[in-house]
N, C-alpha and C. Protein backbone atom coordinates (compact mmCIF):
# COMPACT_ATOMS: atom_id res chain seq x y z
N ARG A 1 -1.23 -22.60 -11.67
CA ARG A 1 -0.46 -21.44 -12.52
C ARG A 1 0.73 -21.98 -12.88
N ILE A 2 1.16 -20.95 -13.90
CA ILE A 2 2.65 -21.20 -14.45
C ILE A 2 3.58 -20.73 -13.55
N GLN A 3 4.78 -21.45 -13.45
CA GLN A 3 5.94 -20.86 -12.87
C GLN A 3 7.01 -20.74 -13.71
N PHE A 4 7.91 -19.80 -13.44
CA PHE A 4 8.94 -19.59 -14.45
C PHE A 4 9.83 -20.74 -14.29
N GLY A 5 10.45 -21.33 -15.38
CA GLY A 5 11.15 -22.37 -15.54
C GLY A 5 12.44 -22.09 -16.53
N PRO A 6 12.74 -22.98 -17.09
CA PRO A 6 14.08 -23.13 -18.08
C PRO A 6 13.57 -22.12 -19.22
N SER A 7 14.56 -21.88 -19.93
CA SER A 7 14.52 -20.80 -21.13
C SER A 7 13.49 -21.43 -22.12
N THR A 8 13.28 -22.68 -22.17
CA THR A 8 12.46 -23.19 -23.12
C THR A 8 10.65 -22.78 -22.96
N GLY A 9 10.70 -22.14 -21.72
CA GLY A 9 9.43 -21.84 -21.50
C GLY A 9 8.95 -21.88 -20.07
N GLU A 10 7.53 -21.89 -19.64
CA GLU A 10 7.23 -21.92 -18.33
C GLU A 10 6.87 -23.26 -17.83
N THR A 11 6.89 -23.74 -16.72
CA THR A 11 6.59 -24.95 -16.25
C THR A 11 5.36 -24.77 -15.23
N PRO A 12 4.17 -25.69 -15.56
CA PRO A 12 3.11 -25.61 -14.52
C PRO A 12 3.56 -26.00 -13.30
N ILE A 13 3.21 -25.62 -12.16
CA ILE A 13 3.73 -25.87 -10.82
C ILE A 13 3.62 -27.10 -10.43
N MET A 14 2.34 -27.72 -10.95
CA MET A 14 1.94 -29.23 -10.64
C MET A 14 2.99 -30.30 -11.21
N ARG A 15 3.74 -29.80 -12.08
CA ARG A 15 4.95 -30.76 -12.54
C ARG A 15 5.99 -30.71 -11.80
N LEU A 16 6.09 -29.74 -10.65
CA LEU A 16 7.27 -29.72 -9.97
C LEU A 16 6.92 -30.69 -8.66
N THR A 17 8.00 -31.63 -8.63
CA THR A 17 8.07 -32.55 -7.35
C THR A 17 7.79 -32.04 -6.04
N THR A 18 8.21 -31.03 -5.84
CA THR A 18 7.87 -30.56 -4.34
C THR A 18 6.40 -29.96 -4.18
N HIS A 19 5.71 -29.56 -5.38
CA HIS A 19 4.42 -29.27 -5.16
C HIS A 19 3.46 -30.43 -5.45
N GLN A 20 3.94 -31.71 -6.09
CA GLN A 20 3.34 -32.91 -6.17
C GLN A 20 3.22 -33.42 -4.75
N LEU A 21 4.46 -33.51 -4.16
CA LEU A 21 4.46 -34.03 -2.63
C LEU A 21 3.72 -33.47 -1.63
N ARG A 22 3.42 -32.01 -1.71
CA ARG A 22 2.46 -31.39 -0.92
C ARG A 22 1.19 -31.33 -1.13
N LEU A 23 0.83 -31.32 -2.70
CA LEU A 23 -0.76 -31.37 -2.71
C LEU A 23 -1.53 -32.45 -3.13
N ILE A 24 -0.89 -33.59 -3.79
CA ILE A 24 -1.52 -34.83 -4.17
C ILE A 24 -1.93 -35.56 -2.93
N PRO A 25 -1.12 -35.70 -1.64
CA PRO A 25 -1.63 -36.53 -0.76
C PRO A 25 -2.79 -35.56 0.04
N LEU A 26 -2.97 -34.30 -0.10
CA LEU A 26 -4.22 -33.58 0.25
C LEU A 26 -5.31 -33.94 -0.46
N LEU A 27 -5.11 -34.03 -2.03
CA LEU A 27 -6.18 -34.35 -2.97
C LEU A 27 -6.65 -35.71 -2.69
N ALA A 28 -5.77 -36.81 -2.31
CA ALA A 28 -6.24 -37.90 -2.05
C ALA A 28 -7.17 -38.23 -0.76
N SER A 29 -6.65 -37.32 0.35
CA SER A 29 -7.52 -37.23 1.45
C SER A 29 -8.79 -36.54 1.18
N THR A 30 -8.84 -35.60 0.45
CA THR A 30 -10.07 -35.00 0.22
C THR A 30 -11.12 -35.96 -0.66
N ILE A 31 -10.55 -36.83 -1.50
CA ILE A 31 -11.25 -37.94 -2.27
C ILE A 31 -12.23 -38.58 -1.19
N GLY A 32 -11.14 -39.16 -0.28
CA GLY A 32 -11.37 -40.13 0.82
C GLY A 32 -12.41 -39.57 1.80
N MET A 33 -12.41 -38.30 2.10
CA MET A 33 -13.10 -37.47 2.81
C MET A 33 -14.70 -37.47 2.18
N GLN A 34 -14.66 -37.32 0.93
CA GLN A 34 -15.92 -37.17 0.16
C GLN A 34 -16.75 -38.70 0.36
N PHE A 35 -15.87 -39.84 0.16
CA PHE A 35 -16.51 -41.13 0.45
C PHE A 35 -17.15 -41.10 1.78
N ALA A 36 -16.44 -40.64 2.67
CA ALA A 36 -17.00 -40.71 4.13
C ALA A 36 -18.25 -39.84 4.22
N CYS A 37 -18.30 -38.70 3.52
CA CYS A 37 -19.54 -37.83 3.80
C CYS A 37 -20.66 -38.57 3.02
N ASN A 38 -20.19 -39.08 1.64
CA ASN A 38 -21.37 -39.80 1.17
C ASN A 38 -21.91 -41.16 1.88
N MET A 39 -21.09 -41.64 2.73
CA MET A 39 -21.51 -42.82 3.81
C MET A 39 -22.34 -42.05 4.84
N MET A 40 -21.98 -41.02 5.32
CA MET A 40 -22.66 -40.45 6.29
C MET A 40 -24.03 -40.03 5.92
N LYS A 41 -24.07 -39.53 4.63
CA LYS A 41 -25.60 -39.00 4.23
C LYS A 41 -26.36 -40.46 3.98
N ARG A 42 -25.95 -41.47 3.64
CA ARG A 42 -26.60 -42.78 3.52
C ARG A 42 -26.98 -43.25 4.90
N LYS A 43 -26.20 -43.26 5.92
CA LYS A 43 -26.64 -43.30 7.22
C LYS A 43 -27.56 -42.60 7.73
N TYR A 44 -27.54 -41.27 7.36
CA TYR A 44 -28.45 -40.21 7.97
C TYR A 44 -30.00 -40.58 7.43
N SER A 45 -29.70 -40.84 6.04
CA SER A 45 -31.22 -40.94 5.58
C SER A 45 -32.11 -42.07 6.07
N VAL A 46 -31.45 -43.27 6.61
CA VAL A 46 -32.03 -44.28 7.31
C VAL A 46 -32.20 -44.17 8.64
N ALA A 47 -31.62 -43.21 9.44
CA ALA A 47 -31.60 -43.16 11.17
C ALA A 47 -32.74 -42.78 11.40
N THR A 48 -32.97 -43.12 12.65
CA THR A 48 -34.13 -42.69 13.37
C THR A 48 -33.85 -41.64 14.34
N PRO A 49 -34.76 -40.77 14.73
CA PRO A 49 -34.53 -39.82 15.57
C PRO A 49 -33.90 -40.26 16.87
N GLY A 50 -32.76 -39.50 17.40
CA GLY A 50 -31.89 -39.72 18.58
C GLY A 50 -30.75 -40.87 18.34
N ASP A 51 -30.66 -41.30 17.12
CA ASP A 51 -29.79 -42.14 16.73
C ASP A 51 -28.35 -41.76 17.27
N LYS A 52 -27.61 -42.34 18.36
CA LYS A 52 -26.62 -41.99 18.86
C LYS A 52 -25.32 -42.11 17.92
N GLU A 53 -25.41 -43.30 17.28
CA GLU A 53 -24.29 -43.61 16.30
C GLU A 53 -24.00 -42.52 15.26
N VAL A 54 -25.05 -42.14 14.61
CA VAL A 54 -25.03 -41.10 13.56
C VAL A 54 -24.65 -39.82 13.92
N HIS A 55 -25.12 -39.51 15.33
CA HIS A 55 -24.67 -38.21 15.85
C HIS A 55 -23.21 -38.08 16.09
N ALA A 56 -22.61 -39.36 16.69
CA ALA A 56 -21.13 -39.57 17.01
C ALA A 56 -20.26 -39.39 15.75
N LEU A 57 -20.80 -40.04 14.65
CA LEU A 57 -20.13 -40.03 13.31
C LEU A 57 -20.18 -38.96 12.64
N ALA A 58 -21.39 -38.15 12.88
CA ALA A 58 -21.26 -36.68 12.23
C ALA A 58 -20.41 -35.77 13.01
N ALA A 59 -20.41 -35.92 14.12
CA ALA A 59 -19.65 -35.00 14.98
C ALA A 59 -18.33 -35.28 14.65
N GLY A 60 -17.65 -36.44 14.49
CA GLY A 60 -16.37 -36.72 14.16
C GLY A 60 -15.98 -36.50 12.80
N LEU A 61 -16.77 -36.63 11.85
CA LEU A 61 -16.68 -36.25 10.69
C LEU A 61 -16.53 -34.88 10.25
N LYS A 62 -17.42 -34.02 10.95
CA LYS A 62 -17.25 -32.45 10.96
C LYS A 62 -15.82 -32.18 11.33
N ALA A 63 -15.46 -32.61 12.41
CA ALA A 63 -13.94 -32.09 13.19
C ALA A 63 -12.91 -32.28 12.06
N VAL A 64 -13.15 -33.53 11.53
CA VAL A 64 -11.87 -34.10 10.70
C VAL A 64 -12.00 -33.30 9.29
N ALA A 65 -13.19 -33.07 8.79
CA ALA A 65 -13.28 -32.76 7.51
C ALA A 65 -12.91 -31.11 7.56
N THR A 66 -13.21 -30.35 8.56
CA THR A 66 -12.90 -28.88 8.78
C THR A 66 -11.47 -28.72 8.90
N TRP A 67 -11.14 -29.73 9.72
CA TRP A 67 -9.42 -29.27 9.92
C TRP A 67 -8.71 -29.63 8.48
N HIS A 68 -9.20 -30.67 7.81
CA HIS A 68 -8.52 -30.96 6.61
C HIS A 68 -8.72 -30.00 5.55
N MET A 69 -9.95 -29.31 5.52
CA MET A 69 -10.47 -28.16 4.68
C MET A 69 -9.44 -26.97 4.94
N SER A 70 -9.19 -26.72 6.20
CA SER A 70 -8.34 -25.60 6.46
C SER A 70 -6.87 -25.70 6.06
N GLU A 71 -6.56 -26.85 6.53
CA GLU A 71 -5.02 -27.20 6.10
C GLU A 71 -4.85 -27.33 4.57
N THR A 72 -5.83 -27.81 3.95
CA THR A 72 -5.61 -27.87 2.58
C THR A 72 -5.63 -26.48 1.73
N LEU A 73 -6.48 -25.73 2.20
CA LEU A 73 -6.65 -24.38 1.51
C LEU A 73 -5.38 -23.63 2.01
N GLN A 74 -4.84 -23.62 3.06
CA GLN A 74 -3.64 -22.86 3.37
C GLN A 74 -2.30 -23.39 2.92
N THR A 75 -2.22 -24.83 2.52
CA THR A 75 -1.29 -25.40 1.73
C THR A 75 -1.38 -24.98 0.25
N CYS A 76 -2.49 -24.81 -0.15
CA CYS A 76 -2.63 -24.60 -1.79
C CYS A 76 -2.13 -23.00 -1.84
N ARG A 77 -2.78 -22.05 -0.80
CA ARG A 77 -2.22 -21.03 -0.87
C ARG A 77 -0.85 -20.56 -0.84
N GLU A 78 -0.13 -21.30 0.04
CA GLU A 78 1.35 -21.15 -0.09
C GLU A 78 1.75 -21.83 -1.30
N ALA A 79 1.52 -22.78 -1.80
CA ALA A 79 2.04 -23.38 -3.04
C ALA A 79 1.84 -22.57 -4.27
N CYS A 80 0.81 -21.49 -4.15
CA CYS A 80 0.59 -20.64 -5.10
C CYS A 80 1.47 -19.12 -5.26
N GLY A 81 2.16 -19.24 -4.10
CA GLY A 81 2.91 -18.06 -3.85
C GLY A 81 1.90 -16.69 -3.64
N GLY A 82 2.05 -15.85 -4.20
CA GLY A 82 1.40 -14.46 -4.24
C GLY A 82 0.13 -14.73 -5.01
N GLN A 83 0.01 -15.48 -5.89
CA GLN A 83 -1.18 -15.83 -6.53
C GLN A 83 -2.20 -16.32 -5.55
N GLY A 84 -1.85 -16.83 -4.48
CA GLY A 84 -2.64 -17.48 -3.56
C GLY A 84 -3.70 -16.54 -2.87
N PHE A 85 -3.27 -15.24 -3.17
CA PHE A 85 -4.13 -14.14 -2.50
C PHE A 85 -5.12 -13.62 -3.62
N SER A 86 -5.19 -13.97 -4.94
CA SER A 86 -5.81 -13.54 -5.93
C SER A 86 -7.31 -13.98 -6.04
N ALA A 87 -8.09 -13.04 -6.21
CA ALA A 87 -9.37 -13.52 -5.98
C ALA A 87 -9.95 -14.53 -7.04
N HIS A 88 -8.97 -14.60 -8.03
CA HIS A 88 -9.43 -15.46 -9.19
C HIS A 88 -9.37 -16.89 -8.86
N ASN A 89 -8.56 -17.51 -7.86
CA ASN A 89 -8.67 -18.80 -7.34
C ASN A 89 -9.55 -19.09 -6.35
N ARG A 90 -10.29 -18.24 -5.48
CA ARG A 90 -11.26 -18.36 -4.70
C ARG A 90 -10.89 -19.08 -3.39
N ILE A 91 -9.32 -19.14 -3.19
CA ILE A 91 -8.84 -19.53 -1.80
C ILE A 91 -9.40 -18.65 -0.89
N GLY A 92 -9.21 -17.59 -0.77
CA GLY A 92 -9.22 -16.35 0.19
C GLY A 92 -11.03 -16.78 0.78
N PRO A 93 -11.83 -16.60 -0.14
CA PRO A 93 -13.28 -16.87 0.47
C PRO A 93 -13.52 -18.19 1.00
N LEU A 94 -12.89 -19.25 0.53
CA LEU A 94 -13.00 -20.59 0.95
C LEU A 94 -12.26 -20.72 2.15
N LYS A 95 -11.32 -20.05 2.45
CA LYS A 95 -10.53 -20.20 3.62
C LYS A 95 -11.25 -19.28 4.60
N THR A 96 -11.97 -18.30 4.44
CA THR A 96 -12.82 -17.70 5.42
C THR A 96 -13.96 -18.59 5.74
N ASP A 97 -14.42 -19.18 4.78
CA ASP A 97 -15.52 -20.22 5.29
C ASP A 97 -15.18 -21.35 6.27
N ALA A 98 -13.89 -21.82 5.85
CA ALA A 98 -13.23 -22.90 6.65
C ALA A 98 -13.00 -22.55 8.06
N ASP A 99 -12.52 -21.20 8.30
CA ASP A 99 -12.21 -20.82 9.64
C ASP A 99 -13.77 -20.69 10.23
N ILE A 100 -14.83 -20.23 9.67
CA ILE A 100 -16.05 -20.38 10.21
C ILE A 100 -16.44 -21.61 10.68
N TYR A 101 -16.30 -22.72 9.68
CA TYR A 101 -16.91 -23.97 9.84
C TYR A 101 -16.08 -24.50 11.25
N LEU A 102 -14.81 -24.20 11.30
CA LEU A 102 -14.06 -24.88 12.41
C LEU A 102 -14.65 -24.38 14.00
N THR A 103 -15.39 -23.46 13.93
CA THR A 103 -15.99 -22.94 15.38
C THR A 103 -17.65 -23.02 15.23
N PHE A 104 -18.12 -23.65 14.22
CA PHE A 104 -19.49 -23.76 14.50
C PHE A 104 -19.96 -24.61 15.58
N GLU A 105 -20.99 -24.19 16.40
CA GLU A 105 -21.23 -24.93 17.49
C GLU A 105 -20.17 -25.48 18.36
N GLY A 106 -19.26 -24.48 18.38
CA GLY A 106 -18.18 -24.77 19.63
C GLY A 106 -16.77 -25.12 18.80
N ASP A 107 -15.80 -25.32 19.31
CA ASP A 107 -14.57 -25.85 18.76
C ASP A 107 -14.60 -27.36 18.34
N ASN A 108 -13.71 -27.95 17.59
CA ASN A 108 -13.79 -29.17 17.25
C ASN A 108 -13.25 -30.33 18.15
N THR A 109 -13.25 -29.96 19.63
CA THR A 109 -12.48 -30.91 20.32
C THR A 109 -13.76 -31.63 21.19
C-alpha cells in the first residue's frame, strides 16, 4: 500500500526501512519454510507405512510452519495499519485459517 510521504508524492511502505526490517526477514523465513516443505514431500513420497522419521519431521514442520504463518500474518497486518483489516489484501481470512492450523489435532507442543 502507499504511505503518505514528502510533498513530492506518496512513498510505498516497502521503501521504508522500518517495514523492510520487519517484513524481509519473515519473507526469507517463508522461502526457507517452502524448501523444508518440499523436502518433506519428497521424503513422504518414498516413505514406508509407519516411518517414524517422516512422522517426526512432519509434526515438527507443522508446528514451526503454523507458528511462523500466524506471526507473519500478524506482522503484515500491523505494518499495513488500518488497511490490514481490508478484505482486499486477504490477511483476515488467512489469519483465521492460521488460527485453525495452530490447533489441528491438538496444540503445537
